[in-house]
Amino acid sequence: MAMIRAVNLHKAFGSQRVLVGANLEIPNGSIYAIIGASGAGKSCLLKILVGLLRPDRGQVWVDGTEISTLHGRALNRVRNRFGVLFQGGALFDSLSVYDNVAFPLREKTRISEGAIRKKVRERLAQVGLTGVDEKFPAELSGGMRKRVALARALVSEPEILLFDEPTTGLDPIRVNAIHKLINDLHAMLHFTAVIVSHEIPEIFSLATQVAMLHEGKISAVGTPAEIQVSDNPVVQQFIHGRSEGPIEVN
């Protein structure tokens, strides 16, 4: 069963057409990777899936509810089922690690500070961070900041977790460490994950399904093994990093 289904999505910003009929189905409980060239519209697609942007045309269904026309509390109820790890982590520099992770609970719930403390420390332990509660983001390594951002995305126990380039700026060792952490947490917590990534071939060892976004549409979808042997020239150019092919290099 699809947890998220996008049907004929169109989105333009002025004369720039970003999505031109994108369709995808994200199975419940999967780790679904969206790959594609820089500027292909992957982050825009994520924002539409969570209701932060509205498509100009098309529909987004989340667990059987069509969200692209929802407003106010109805939309917020659906958004509350999501956690988001933004590109770069998007931590608040002026807040401690503890307060960064606690932020969604304080903003969206009325649970006690004691219950918040328990959840925050549990999530920090799950991402391999203990004893850093009072540190600030500037005092952490890049990998540690990613882990804090992941703990914050998980603290409200979302059913769906969106990752926008979760390993940007990390060296290959830390890329693999973050991928392993996501995989371990997925096995433990059973969320549906959607990951926008440029990490080729590393993403193939993490994802259960991979979709290629090109020229505003999903041009290929399949298991990592199927994508790697695809005869689609767009896919082959991208995953092998070739400068020549149907993807224009500007």
Protein backbone atom coordinates (compact mmCIF):
# COMPACT_ATOMS: atom_id res chain seq x y z
CA MET A 1 0.00 0.00 0.00
CA ALA A 2 1.29 3.47 -0.90
CA MET A 3 1.87 5.78 2.07
CA ILE A 4 2.37 8.71 -0.33
CA ARG A 5 1.06 8.98 -3.87
CA ALA A 6 1.70 11.93 -6.16
CA VAL A 7 -0.40 12.25 -9.31
CA ASN A 8 0.47 14.47 -12.29
CA LEU A 9 2.27 17.16 -10.26
CA HIS A 10 2.99 20.46 -11.98
CA LYS A 11 4.84 23.37 -10.39
CA ALA A 12 6.33 26.50 -11.92
CA PHE A 13 7.97 29.61 -10.52
CA GLY A 14 7.30 32.32 -13.05
CA SER A 15 8.53 31.03 -16.39
CA GLN A 16 10.61 28.27 -14.78
CA ARG A 17 8.76 24.96 -14.98
CA VAL A 18 10.05 22.68 -12.23
CA LEU A 19 7.58 19.78 -12.25
CA VAL A 20 5.67 18.85 -15.40
CA GLY A 21 3.59 15.80 -14.61
CA ALA A 22 5.56 13.99 -11.91
CA ASN A 23 4.01 10.76 -10.61
CA LEU A 24 5.25 8.53 -7.82
CA GLU A 25 4.06 5.96 -5.29
CA ILE A 26 5.99 5.55 -2.05
CA PRO A 27 5.21 2.23 -0.32
CA ASN A 28 4.43 2.22 3.37
CA GLY A 29 7.53 1.39 5.39
CA SER A 30 9.96 1.81 2.48
CA ILE A 31 13.18 3.79 2.20
CA TYR A 32 12.49 5.64 -1.06
CA ALA A 33 15.33 7.59 -2.65
CA ILE A 34 14.83 10.38 -5.17
CA ILE A 35 17.91 11.07 -7.28
CA GLY A 36 18.55 13.55 -10.06
CA ALA A 37 20.79 16.36 -11.23
CA SER A 38 21.18 19.60 -9.27
CA GLY A 39 18.25 21.90 -9.98
CA ALA A 40 15.99 19.06 -11.12
CA GLY A 41 13.31 19.97 -8.56
CA LYS A 42 13.90 17.30 -5.90
CA SER A 43 13.65 19.65 -2.91
CA CYS A 44 10.59 21.30 -4.44
CA LEU A 45 8.98 17.87 -4.77
CA LEU A 46 9.67 17.12 -1.08
CA LYS A 47 8.06 20.41 -0.04
CA ILE A 48 4.95 19.57 -2.05
CA LEU A 49 4.73 16.10 -0.50
CA VAL A 50 4.65 17.58 3.02
CA GLY A 51 2.31 20.44 2.10
CA LEU A 52 4.82 23.29 2.43
CA LEU A 53 4.23 24.12 -1.24
CA ARG A 54 1.07 23.67 -3.26
CA PRO A 55 1.26 22.20 -6.74
CA ASP A 56 -0.11 24.28 -9.58
CA ARG A 57 -1.85 21.14 -10.75
CA GLY A 58 -2.06 17.54 -9.57
CA GLN A 59 -2.71 15.72 -6.33
CA VAL A 60 -0.80 14.44 -3.31
CA TRP A 61 -2.32 11.62 -1.28
CA VAL A 62 -0.97 10.76 2.17
CA ASP A 63 -2.29 7.49 3.57
CA GLY A 64 -5.51 7.90 1.60
CA THR A 65 -6.03 11.63 2.28
CA GLU A 66 -5.67 14.12 -0.56
CA ILE A 67 -3.73 17.04 0.96
CA SER A 68 -3.11 19.52 -1.86
CA THR A 69 -6.39 21.34 -1.17
CA LEU A 70 -6.29 21.18 2.65
CA HIS A 71 -5.86 24.28 4.82
CA GLY A 72 -5.40 25.16 8.47
CA ARG A 73 -5.90 22.49 11.09
CA ALA A 74 -6.72 19.77 8.56
CA LEU A 75 -3.39 20.32 6.81
CA ASN A 76 -1.52 20.56 10.11
CA ARG A 77 -2.91 17.20 11.21
CA VAL A 78 -1.33 15.62 8.15
CA ARG A 79 1.93 17.56 8.54
CA ASN A 80 2.21 16.33 12.11
CA ARG A 81 2.67 12.83 10.72
CA PHE A 82 5.91 14.00 9.08
CA GLY A 83 9.39 14.66 10.37
CA VAL A 84 11.82 16.59 8.18
CA LEU A 85 15.60 16.64 8.17
CA PHE A 86 16.40 19.75 6.18
CA GLN A 87 19.44 20.21 3.99
CA GLY A 88 22.29 21.35 6.23
CA GLY A 89 20.36 20.34 9.36
CA ALA A 90 18.79 23.81 9.90
CA LEU A 91 19.61 23.81 13.62
CA PHE A 92 19.03 26.99 15.64
CA ASP A 93 22.50 28.37 16.39
CA SER A 94 21.30 30.20 19.52
CA LEU A 95 19.76 27.06 21.09
CA SER A 96 21.55 24.21 22.83
CA VAL A 97 21.42 20.67 21.47
CA TYR A 98 18.76 19.83 24.06
CA ASP A 99 16.60 22.83 23.16
CA ASN A 100 16.96 22.19 19.43
CA VAL A 101 15.65 18.65 19.82
CA ALA A 102 12.94 19.72 22.28
CA PHE A 103 11.71 22.52 19.99
CA PRO A 104 9.05 20.55 18.03
CA LEU A 105 7.56 19.13 21.23
CA ARG A 106 7.34 22.55 22.86
CA GLU A 107 5.81 24.08 19.74
CA LYS A 108 3.30 21.36 18.84
CA THR A 109 2.40 19.55 22.07
CA ARG A 110 1.36 20.28 25.62
CA ILE A 111 3.30 17.48 27.30
CA SER A 112 5.22 18.21 30.49
CA GLU A 113 8.85 19.28 30.56
CA GLY A 114 9.64 16.00 32.28
CA ALA A 115 8.12 14.03 29.40
CA ILE A 116 9.99 16.25 26.92
CA ARG A 117 13.26 15.58 28.74
CA LYS A 118 12.69 11.83 28.54
CA LYS A 119 11.91 11.91 24.80
CA VAL A 120 14.84 14.22 23.96
CA ARG A 121 17.40 12.12 25.79
CA GLU A 122 15.98 8.93 24.32
CA ARG A 123 16.30 10.28 20.77
CA LEU A 124 19.80 11.64 21.37
CA ALA A 125 20.86 8.24 22.67
CA GLN A 126 19.35 6.55 19.62
CA VAL A 127 21.46 8.69 17.27
CA GLY A 128 24.59 7.98 19.30
CA LEU A 129 24.84 11.28 21.17
CA THR A 130 25.04 11.45 24.95
CA GLY A 131 26.50 14.16 27.14
CA VAL A 132 26.10 16.91 24.54
CA ASP A 133 22.78 18.36 25.74
CA GLU A 134 24.21 21.76 26.71
CA LYS A 135 26.52 22.20 23.73
CA PHE A 136 25.63 24.55 20.88
CA PRO A 137 25.69 23.64 17.16
CA ALA A 138 28.90 25.62 16.57
CA GLU A 139 30.68 23.34 19.06
CA LEU A 140 29.80 20.17 17.13
CA SER A 141 31.34 18.44 14.13
CA GLY A 142 29.38 18.26 10.88
CA GLY A 143 28.43 14.64 11.53
CA MET A 144 27.24 15.42 15.05
CA ARG A 145 25.08 18.28 13.77
CA LYS A 146 23.44 15.87 11.31
CA ARG A 147 22.72 13.49 14.19
CA VAL A 148 21.17 16.26 16.28
CA ALA A 149 18.98 17.26 13.32
CA LEU A 150 17.94 13.63 12.93
CA ALA A 151 17.07 13.38 16.63
CA ARG A 152 14.92 16.52 16.27
CA ALA A 153 13.15 15.09 13.20
CA LEU A 154 12.37 11.90 15.15
CA VAL A 155 11.43 13.35 18.52
CA SER A 156 7.71 13.68 17.74
CA GLU A 157 7.57 10.05 16.55
CA PRO A 158 6.62 10.73 12.90
CA GLU A 159 5.25 8.03 10.63
CA ILE A 160 6.99 9.58 7.62
CA LEU A 161 10.48 11.06 7.60
CA LEU A 162 11.73 13.28 4.77
CA PHE A 163 15.48 13.73 4.27
CA ASP A 164 16.71 16.55 2.03
CA GLU A 165 20.35 15.74 1.20
CA PRO A 166 21.05 14.41 4.73
CA THR A 167 24.77 13.86 4.12
CA THR A 168 25.71 17.05 2.26
CA GLY A 169 29.18 18.25 3.25
CA LEU A 170 30.26 15.04 4.96
CA ASP A 171 33.27 12.90 4.07
CA PRO A 172 32.66 9.36 2.75
CA ILE A 173 33.18 7.72 6.15
CA ARG A 174 30.57 9.94 7.81
CA VAL A 175 28.23 9.55 4.83
CA ASN A 176 28.22 5.80 5.37
CA ALA A 177 27.85 6.27 9.13
CA ILE A 178 24.75 8.44 8.68
CA HIS A 179 23.29 5.99 6.15
CA LYS A 180 23.83 3.11 8.58
CA LEU A 181 22.19 5.13 11.36
CA ILE A 182 19.15 5.87 9.16
CA ASN A 183 18.91 2.18 8.27
CA ASP A 184 19.19 1.09 11.92
CA LEU A 185 16.57 3.61 13.07
CA HIS A 186 14.25 2.60 10.22
CA ALA A 187 14.50 -1.05 11.32
CA MET A 188 13.77 -0.01 14.90
CA LEU A 189 11.00 2.57 14.36
CA HIS A 190 9.39 1.41 11.06
CA PHE A 191 8.81 4.88 9.58
CA THR A 192 8.42 5.54 5.85
CA ALA A 193 11.51 7.39 4.61
CA VAL A 194 11.88 9.62 1.55
CA ILE A 195 15.47 10.67 0.83
CA VAL A 196 16.70 13.18 -1.72
CA SER A 197 20.33 12.30 -2.38
CA HIS A 198 23.31 12.84 -4.66
CA GLU A 199 25.31 10.11 -2.92
CA ILE A 200 25.94 7.63 -5.73
CA PRO A 201 26.52 4.69 -5.33
CA GLU A 202 26.17 4.84 -1.52
CA ILE A 203 22.42 5.48 -1.61
CA PHE A 204 21.88 2.14 -3.36
CA SER A 205 22.90 0.24 -0.21
CA LEU A 206 20.32 2.12 1.86
CA ALA A 207 17.22 2.53 -0.34
CA THR A 208 14.58 -0.09 -1.02
CA GLN A 209 13.37 1.85 -4.07
CA VAL A 210 14.94 4.57 -6.20
CA ALA A 211 13.27 7.13 -8.48
CA MET A 212 15.06 9.36 -11.00
CA LEU A 213 13.69 12.89 -11.44
CA HIS A 214 14.54 14.44 -14.80
CA GLU A 215 12.96 17.34 -16.70
CA GLY A 216 10.13 17.60 -14.20
CA LYS A 217 9.07 13.94 -14.34
CA ILE A 218 9.98 10.64 -12.75
CA SER A 219 11.87 9.08 -15.66
CA ALA A 220 12.72 5.76 -13.97
CA VAL A 221 11.83 3.89 -10.79
CA GLY A 222 12.88 0.53 -9.41
CA THR A 223 14.93 -1.31 -6.85
CA PRO A 224 18.57 -0.20 -6.50
CA ALA A 225 19.63 -3.27 -8.51
CA GLU A 226 17.16 -2.45 -11.29
CA ILE A 227 18.21 1.18 -11.45
CA GLN A 228 21.90 0.30 -11.67
CA VAL A 229 21.34 -1.90 -14.76
CA SER A 230 18.67 0.35 -16.33
CA ASP A 231 19.05 1.00 -20.06
CA ASN A 232 17.64 4.51 -19.57
CA PRO A 233 20.40 6.85 -20.83
CA VAL A 234 19.44 9.55 -18.29
CA VAL A 235 19.90 7.11 -15.41
CA GLN A 236 23.17 5.74 -16.76
CA GLN A 237 24.64 9.21 -17.31
CA PHE A 238 23.72 10.32 -13.81
CA ILE A 239 24.82 7.28 -11.82
CA HIS A 240 28.15 7.12 -13.70
CA GLY A 241 28.75 10.88 -13.58
CA ARG A 242 29.27 11.29 -17.30
CA SER A 243 29.49 14.80 -18.71
CA GLU A 244 27.99 13.77 -22.04
CA GLY A 245 24.40 12.56 -22.43
CA PRO A 246 20.79 13.74 -22.25
CA ILE A 247 21.38 15.65 -18.99
CA GLU A 248 22.74 19.07 -19.92
CA VAL A 249 25.80 20.16 -17.95
CA ASN A 250 25.81 23.94 -17.49
